[in-house]
Amino acid sequence: MEIWFSQMDTENVKTSVRVDKQLFSKQSEYQRIDVFASNEFGRMIVLDGEIIFSEADEFIYNEMVVHVPMAVHPEVKSVLIIGGGDGGVAKVLTQYPEIESIDVVEPDEMFIEVSREFFPETAKGFDDERVKITNMDGLRFLRRCRDKYDLIINDSTDPFGHTEGLFTREFYGNCYRALHDDGIMVYQHGSPFYDEDEAAFRAMHRKAYQSFPVSRVYQASIPTCPAGIWMFGFASKKYHPLRDFDAKRWNKRELKTWYYTTHLHKGAFMLPKYVEDILSEEETRK
């Protein structure tokens, strides 16, 4: 008998993956957590019916939210990860010896436990001595931070449910205050390909654009994401992701990557026309 997991991308579109077995299923205080084993993508973690990452493609997301800002900011010492319960973003950050502290703020303790058990290679980022985990709502944590971080990565899942507060104007304002004068914020921006996702995509860019002097969007191709394309937001108090991008400095590090390159860095900010139009409309909206 064949077993398939289906993710509903819209009311009319679903992504289906044949799975070998279900390894875990339980409702946490915040969300439904499922883990499946598949032949094509390896193990996958699913939150409230949506694939968050798989062993086969998690490197794409994690590399793009870390290496892009790290190749722009000249001296990152303190980092805040909002969400990040799987440990993947922290794992990539630990490749940078100059980083002194990595705060992970993830409210769902079960998500962290499940990640440690079923995705130990990804979750080993938590084992670095520079990483500190705080189980707390991200917005609540940010309200007490002022001028504390060089880089903030919003690794929360989506703009609905228990993470909804992480996509409000207040959230972006708190991120601005929590950053140093030359700080950068990177956040997952979703995809506007499907009509029902476009409103959230527009709202995120509008709020970030109004909160930061520099606000740009870049992209990556991730197979398990809806429509196979995923956007990221780059918001900064000072640095521009292309004009202040230092490819030579980053390449000297000789870090091993599977997706990110300094050539790709530039290309990621070259967006499809329909996305450019959406962003432009929100930037000129009164």
Foldseek 3Di string as FASTA:
>chain_A
DWDKQWADPDPVDIDIAIFPDWDDWDQFPFWTWTWTAGDPFGIFIDTNRATLHGNRFPQQVLCVLPVLVVLQDPAWAEEEEEACLLQQNLQVVVLDPRHQAYEYEAQTPVSNVVSCVPPVVRNCSCVDPRYDYHNDHPLVVLVPAAQAGQEYEYSDDDCDGPNVVCQDLSNLQSVVRNHHLWHKYKYWQFDPPDVVSVVSSLSSLLSLVVRAVEKAKFKDQTCRGVVRITMMIMGTNDTYSPVSRDQVVVVVSVDDGDHDHPVVSVVRRVDDPVVVVSSVCSNPPD
